[in-house]
Amino acid sequence: MRIGKTKCRQLRNLLESNKLEFLLEAHNGISAKLVEDAGFNGIWASGLSISAQWGVRDSNEASWTQVIETVEFMSDATTIPILLDGDTGYGNFNNVQRLVRKLEQRHIA
């Protein structure tokens, strides 16, 4: 099974589990790897922390492409699932659709 499909299944299992799980926040590849190495079963990709990582305010100043780039590095560095805070979707309905499609291609929720 491909690692991406495994990540999707891992996230589904976490969400459907009766067990309480905690996701730890990460904002780049190295912090994502630290989350995984600390034993967490998933990563929370916060809009606030990703914006701060780019040096901008948390008011949609980071573009969706910058967010995708960040979480792609995080995903490449780890084997656990990532749950992304998509904020307001970075624009209109078409932007949201495109964001979701790009996240799906990278196996990120």
N, C-alpha and C. Protein backbone atom coordinates (compact mmCIF):
# COMPACT_ATOMS: atom_id res chain seq x y z
N MET A 1 0.84 -1.18 0.00
CA MET A 1 0.00 0.00 0.00
C MET A 1 0.89 1.24 0.00
N ARG A 2 0.56 2.22 -0.81
CA ARG A 2 1.33 3.46 -0.87
C ARG A 2 1.23 4.22 0.45
N ILE A 3 2.29 4.96 0.78
CA ILE A 3 2.33 5.70 2.04
C ILE A 3 1.19 6.71 2.13
N GLY A 4 0.84 7.38 1.02
CA GLY A 4 -0.25 8.35 1.04
C GLY A 4 -1.57 7.72 1.41
N LYS A 5 -1.87 6.58 0.81
CA LYS A 5 -3.10 5.88 1.13
C LYS A 5 -3.08 5.43 2.58
N THR A 6 -1.92 5.03 3.07
CA THR A 6 -1.79 4.64 4.46
C THR A 6 -2.09 5.82 5.37
N LYS A 7 -1.60 7.01 5.04
CA LYS A 7 -1.87 8.20 5.85
C LYS A 7 -3.36 8.51 5.89
N CYS A 8 -4.02 8.38 4.76
CA CYS A 8 -5.47 8.63 4.72
C CYS A 8 -6.20 7.63 5.62
N ARG A 9 -5.81 6.38 5.54
CA ARG A 9 -6.44 5.35 6.37
C ARG A 9 -6.13 5.59 7.85
N GLN A 10 -4.91 6.00 8.15
CA GLN A 10 -4.53 6.29 9.54
C GLN A 10 -5.42 7.40 10.11
N LEU A 11 -5.64 8.46 9.33
CA LEU A 11 -6.46 9.56 9.81
C LEU A 11 -7.90 9.10 10.02
N ARG A 12 -8.43 8.35 9.08
CA ARG A 12 -9.79 7.83 9.23
C ARG A 12 -9.90 6.99 10.50
N ASN A 13 -8.92 6.14 10.72
CA ASN A 13 -8.93 5.30 11.92
C ASN A 13 -8.87 6.13 13.20
N LEU A 14 -8.07 7.19 13.19
CA LEU A 14 -8.00 8.08 14.36
C LEU A 14 -9.35 8.74 14.63
N LEU A 15 -9.99 9.20 13.57
CA LEU A 15 -11.27 9.90 13.71
C LEU A 15 -12.39 8.96 14.14
N GLU A 16 -12.33 7.71 13.71
CA GLU A 16 -13.39 6.76 14.03
C GLU A 16 -13.13 5.99 15.33
N SER A 17 -11.97 6.15 15.90
CA SER A 17 -11.60 5.42 17.11
C SER A 17 -12.37 5.93 18.33
N ASN A 18 -12.64 5.03 19.26
CA ASN A 18 -13.23 5.42 20.54
C ASN A 18 -12.16 5.94 21.50
N LYS A 19 -10.91 5.77 21.13
CA LYS A 19 -9.79 6.20 21.96
C LYS A 19 -9.54 7.70 21.76
N LEU A 20 -9.25 8.39 22.84
CA LEU A 20 -8.91 9.80 22.77
C LEU A 20 -7.51 9.95 22.17
N GLU A 21 -7.39 10.73 21.13
CA GLU A 21 -6.10 10.96 20.47
C GLU A 21 -5.78 12.45 20.49
N PHE A 22 -4.51 12.77 20.51
CA PHE A 22 -4.06 14.15 20.45
C PHE A 22 -3.19 14.33 19.21
N LEU A 23 -3.43 15.41 18.49
CA LEU A 23 -2.58 15.79 17.37
C LEU A 23 -1.74 16.96 17.86
N LEU A 24 -0.47 16.94 17.57
CA LEU A 24 0.40 18.05 17.97
C LEU A 24 0.63 18.94 16.76
N GLU A 25 0.69 20.23 17.00
CA GLU A 25 0.87 21.21 15.93
C GLU A 25 2.28 21.16 15.38
N ALA A 26 2.37 21.36 14.07
CA ALA A 26 3.66 21.53 13.39
C ALA A 26 3.48 22.56 12.29
N HIS A 27 4.57 23.19 11.89
CA HIS A 27 4.48 24.27 10.91
C HIS A 27 5.54 24.18 9.81
N ASN A 28 6.35 23.13 9.85
CA ASN A 28 7.33 22.89 8.78
C ASN A 28 7.80 21.44 8.88
N GLY A 29 8.67 21.04 7.98
CA GLY A 29 9.10 19.65 7.93
C GLY A 29 9.77 19.17 9.20
N ILE A 30 10.66 19.98 9.76
CA ILE A 30 11.40 19.54 10.95
C ILE A 30 10.49 19.43 12.16
N SER A 31 9.57 20.39 12.33
CA SER A 31 8.66 20.29 13.48
C SER A 31 7.70 19.12 13.30
N ALA A 32 7.32 18.81 12.06
CA ALA A 32 6.47 17.65 11.80
C ALA A 32 7.20 16.36 12.17
N LYS A 33 8.47 16.28 11.82
CA LYS A 33 9.27 15.09 12.15
C LYS A 33 9.41 14.95 13.66
N LEU A 34 9.56 16.07 14.36
CA LEU A 34 9.64 16.03 15.83
C LEU A 34 8.34 15.51 16.44
N VAL A 35 7.21 15.92 15.86
CA VAL A 35 5.91 15.43 16.33
C VAL A 35 5.85 13.91 16.19
N GLU A 36 6.24 13.43 15.02
CA GLU A 36 6.23 11.98 14.78
C GLU A 36 7.19 11.26 15.73
N ASP A 37 8.40 11.79 15.87
CA ASP A 37 9.40 11.16 16.74
C ASP A 37 8.98 11.16 18.21
N ALA A 38 8.12 12.12 18.59
CA ALA A 38 7.63 12.18 19.97
C ALA A 38 6.53 11.16 20.23
N GLY A 39 6.08 10.48 19.17
CA GLY A 39 5.11 9.40 19.36
C GLY A 39 3.66 9.76 19.08
N PHE A 40 3.41 10.95 18.58
CA PHE A 40 2.03 11.32 18.25
C PHE A 40 1.59 10.59 16.98
N ASN A 41 0.30 10.33 16.89
CA ASN A 41 -0.25 9.58 15.75
C ASN A 41 -0.76 10.47 14.63
N GLY A 42 -0.67 11.78 14.81
CA GLY A 42 -1.11 12.71 13.77
C GLY A 42 -0.59 14.11 14.04
N ILE A 43 -0.67 14.93 13.00
CA ILE A 43 -0.15 16.30 13.05
C ILE A 43 -1.28 17.27 12.77
N TRP A 44 -1.33 18.35 13.55
CA TRP A 44 -2.25 19.44 13.32
C TRP A 44 -1.46 20.55 12.64
N ALA A 45 -1.83 20.90 11.40
CA ALA A 45 -1.18 21.99 10.66
C ALA A 45 -2.03 23.24 10.83
N SER A 46 -1.67 24.06 11.77
CA SER A 46 -2.43 25.25 12.14
C SER A 46 -2.22 26.39 11.16
N GLY A 47 -3.31 27.03 10.78
CA GLY A 47 -3.21 28.20 9.91
C GLY A 47 -2.38 29.30 10.54
N LEU A 48 -2.56 29.50 11.84
CA LEU A 48 -1.80 30.52 12.56
C LEU A 48 -0.30 30.24 12.51
N SER A 49 0.09 29.02 12.83
CA SER A 49 1.52 28.73 12.88
C SER A 49 2.15 28.69 11.49
N ILE A 50 1.40 28.25 10.49
CA ILE A 50 1.94 28.28 9.12
C ILE A 50 2.12 29.73 8.66
N SER A 51 1.16 30.60 9.00
CA SER A 51 1.31 32.02 8.67
C SER A 51 2.54 32.60 9.36
N ALA A 52 2.70 32.28 10.64
CA ALA A 52 3.86 32.78 11.38
C ALA A 52 5.16 32.26 10.78
N GLN A 53 5.15 31.01 10.33
CA GLN A 53 6.33 30.42 9.70
C GLN A 53 6.72 31.22 8.46
N TRP A 54 5.72 31.76 7.76
CA TRP A 54 5.99 32.58 6.56
C TRP A 54 6.22 34.05 6.91
N GLY A 55 6.03 34.41 8.20
CA GLY A 55 6.26 35.78 8.63
C GLY A 55 5.14 36.74 8.28
N VAL A 56 3.91 36.20 8.18
CA VAL A 56 2.75 37.04 7.86
C VAL A 56 1.68 36.85 8.92
N ARG A 57 0.71 37.77 8.92
CA ARG A 57 -0.39 37.68 9.88
C ARG A 57 -1.33 36.54 9.50
N ASP A 58 -2.10 36.08 10.49
CA ASP A 58 -3.07 35.01 10.27
C ASP A 58 -4.38 35.60 9.78
N SER A 59 -4.33 36.23 8.63
CA SER A 59 -5.54 36.81 8.04
C SER A 59 -5.51 36.60 6.53
N ASN A 60 -5.21 35.38 6.14
CA ASN A 60 -5.13 34.98 4.73
C ASN A 60 -4.04 35.72 3.96
N GLU A 61 -2.99 36.16 4.65
CA GLU A 61 -1.87 36.77 3.95
C GLU A 61 -0.97 35.72 3.32
N ALA A 62 -0.92 34.53 3.91
CA ALA A 62 -0.21 33.42 3.27
C ALA A 62 -1.16 32.85 2.21
N SER A 63 -0.67 32.67 1.02
CA SER A 63 -1.51 32.14 -0.06
C SER A 63 -1.73 30.64 0.11
N TRP A 64 -2.73 30.12 -0.57
CA TRP A 64 -2.98 28.68 -0.48
C TRP A 64 -1.81 27.90 -1.06
N THR A 65 -1.11 28.48 -2.02
CA THR A 65 0.05 27.76 -2.58
C THR A 65 1.19 27.70 -1.57
N GLN A 66 1.36 28.74 -0.76
CA GLN A 66 2.37 28.70 0.30
C GLN A 66 2.01 27.66 1.35
N VAL A 67 0.72 27.58 1.68
CA VAL A 67 0.26 26.60 2.66
C VAL A 67 0.49 25.19 2.12
N ILE A 68 0.13 24.95 0.85
CA ILE A 68 0.35 23.65 0.22
C ILE A 68 1.84 23.29 0.25
N GLU A 69 2.68 24.25 -0.08
CA GLU A 69 4.12 23.99 -0.08
C GLU A 69 4.60 23.56 1.31
N THR A 70 4.12 24.26 2.33
CA THR A 70 4.52 23.95 3.70
C THR A 70 4.08 22.56 4.10
N VAL A 71 2.80 22.23 3.89
CA VAL A 71 2.33 20.92 4.33
C VAL A 71 2.89 19.79 3.47
N GLU A 72 3.27 20.09 2.25
CA GLU A 72 3.91 19.07 1.42
C GLU A 72 5.28 18.69 2.01
N PHE A 73 6.04 19.68 2.45
CA PHE A 73 7.31 19.39 3.13
C PHE A 73 7.07 18.57 4.40
N MET A 74 6.03 18.94 5.14
CA MET A 74 5.69 18.21 6.36
C MET A 74 5.34 16.76 6.05
N SER A 75 4.55 16.56 5.02
CA SER A 75 4.13 15.22 4.63
C SER A 75 5.30 14.38 4.16
N ASP A 76 6.19 15.00 3.39
CA ASP A 76 7.37 14.28 2.90
C ASP A 76 8.29 13.82 4.03
N ALA A 77 8.28 14.57 5.14
CA ALA A 77 9.19 14.28 6.25
C ALA A 77 8.64 13.24 7.22
N THR A 78 7.36 12.86 7.07
CA THR A 78 6.72 12.00 8.07
C THR A 78 5.93 10.86 7.43
N THR A 79 5.50 9.95 8.30
CA THR A 79 4.65 8.84 7.85
C THR A 79 3.28 8.88 8.52
N ILE A 80 3.00 9.92 9.31
CA ILE A 80 1.71 10.03 10.00
C ILE A 80 0.83 11.06 9.31
N PRO A 81 -0.49 10.99 9.51
CA PRO A 81 -1.40 11.89 8.80
C PRO A 81 -1.32 13.32 9.32
N ILE A 82 -1.72 14.25 8.44
CA ILE A 82 -1.75 15.67 8.75
C ILE A 82 -3.16 16.19 8.55
N LEU A 83 -3.67 16.90 9.55
CA LEU A 83 -4.97 17.56 9.47
C LEU A 83 -4.70 19.06 9.36
N LEU A 84 -5.10 19.66 8.25
CA LEU A 84 -4.81 21.07 7.97
C LEU A 84 -5.97 21.97 8.33
N ASP A 85 -5.65 23.09 8.97
CA ASP A 85 -6.60 24.18 9.20
C ASP A 85 -6.62 25.00 7.92
N GLY A 86 -7.68 24.87 7.14
CA GLY A 86 -7.78 25.57 5.85
C GLY A 86 -8.31 26.98 5.95
N ASP A 87 -8.42 27.50 7.17
CA ASP A 87 -8.91 28.86 7.40
C ASP A 87 -10.20 29.11 6.64
N THR A 88 -10.25 30.16 5.84
CA THR A 88 -11.48 30.51 5.12
C THR A 88 -11.50 29.93 3.72
N GLY A 89 -10.54 29.11 3.38
CA GLY A 89 -10.50 28.49 2.06
C GLY A 89 -9.75 29.31 1.03
N TYR A 90 -9.21 30.45 1.42
CA TYR A 90 -8.36 31.27 0.55
C TYR A 90 -9.10 31.82 -0.66
N GLY A 91 -10.31 32.26 -0.44
CA GLY A 91 -11.05 32.91 -1.53
C GLY A 91 -12.45 32.36 -1.67
N ASN A 92 -12.89 32.25 -2.91
CA ASN A 92 -14.25 31.82 -3.19
C ASN A 92 -14.35 30.29 -3.28
N PHE A 93 -15.52 29.82 -3.69
CA PHE A 93 -15.78 28.38 -3.77
C PHE A 93 -14.78 27.68 -4.69
N ASN A 94 -14.43 28.31 -5.79
CA ASN A 94 -13.47 27.71 -6.72
C ASN A 94 -12.10 27.52 -6.08
N ASN A 95 -11.69 28.50 -5.27
CA ASN A 95 -10.41 28.38 -4.56
C ASN A 95 -10.44 27.22 -3.57
N VAL A 96 -11.56 27.08 -2.88
CA VAL A 96 -11.70 25.99 -1.91
C VAL A 96 -11.62 24.64 -2.62
N GLN A 97 -12.33 24.52 -3.75
CA GLN A 97 -12.29 23.27 -4.52
C GLN A 97 -10.86 22.93 -4.94
N ARG A 98 -10.16 23.93 -5.43
CA ARG A 98 -8.79 23.69 -5.89
C ARG A 98 -7.88 23.31 -4.72
N LEU A 99 -8.03 24.00 -3.59
CA LEU A 99 -7.24 23.68 -2.40
C LEU A 99 -7.48 22.23 -1.98
N VAL A 100 -8.73 21.83 -1.91
CA VAL A 100 -9.06 20.46 -1.50
C VAL A 100 -8.47 19.45 -2.48
N ARG A 101 -8.58 19.72 -3.76
CA ARG A 101 -8.03 18.81 -4.78
C ARG A 101 -6.51 18.67 -4.60
N LYS A 102 -5.83 19.79 -4.39
CA LYS A 102 -4.37 19.75 -4.21
C LYS A 102 -3.99 19.01 -2.92
N LEU A 103 -4.77 19.21 -1.86
CA LEU A 103 -4.50 18.49 -0.61
C LEU A 103 -4.73 16.99 -0.79
N GLU A 104 -5.79 16.63 -1.49
CA GLU A 104 -6.07 15.21 -1.75
C GLU A 104 -4.93 14.56 -2.52
N GLN A 105 -4.38 15.28 -3.49
CA GLN A 105 -3.26 14.75 -4.28
C GLN A 105 -2.06 14.45 -3.40
N ARG A 106 -1.95 15.19 -2.30
CA ARG A 106 -0.81 15.03 -1.39
C ARG A 106 -1.17 14.21 -0.14
N HIS A 107 -2.40 13.69 -0.12
CA HIS A 107 -2.89 12.85 0.98
C HIS A 107 -2.88 13.59 2.31
N ILE A 108 -3.39 14.83 2.28
CA ILE A 108 -3.48 15.67 3.47
C ILE A 108 -4.94 16.05 3.65
N ALA A 109 -5.43 15.96 4.89
CA ALA A 109 -6.84 16.28 5.16
C ALA A 109 -6.99 17.74 5.54
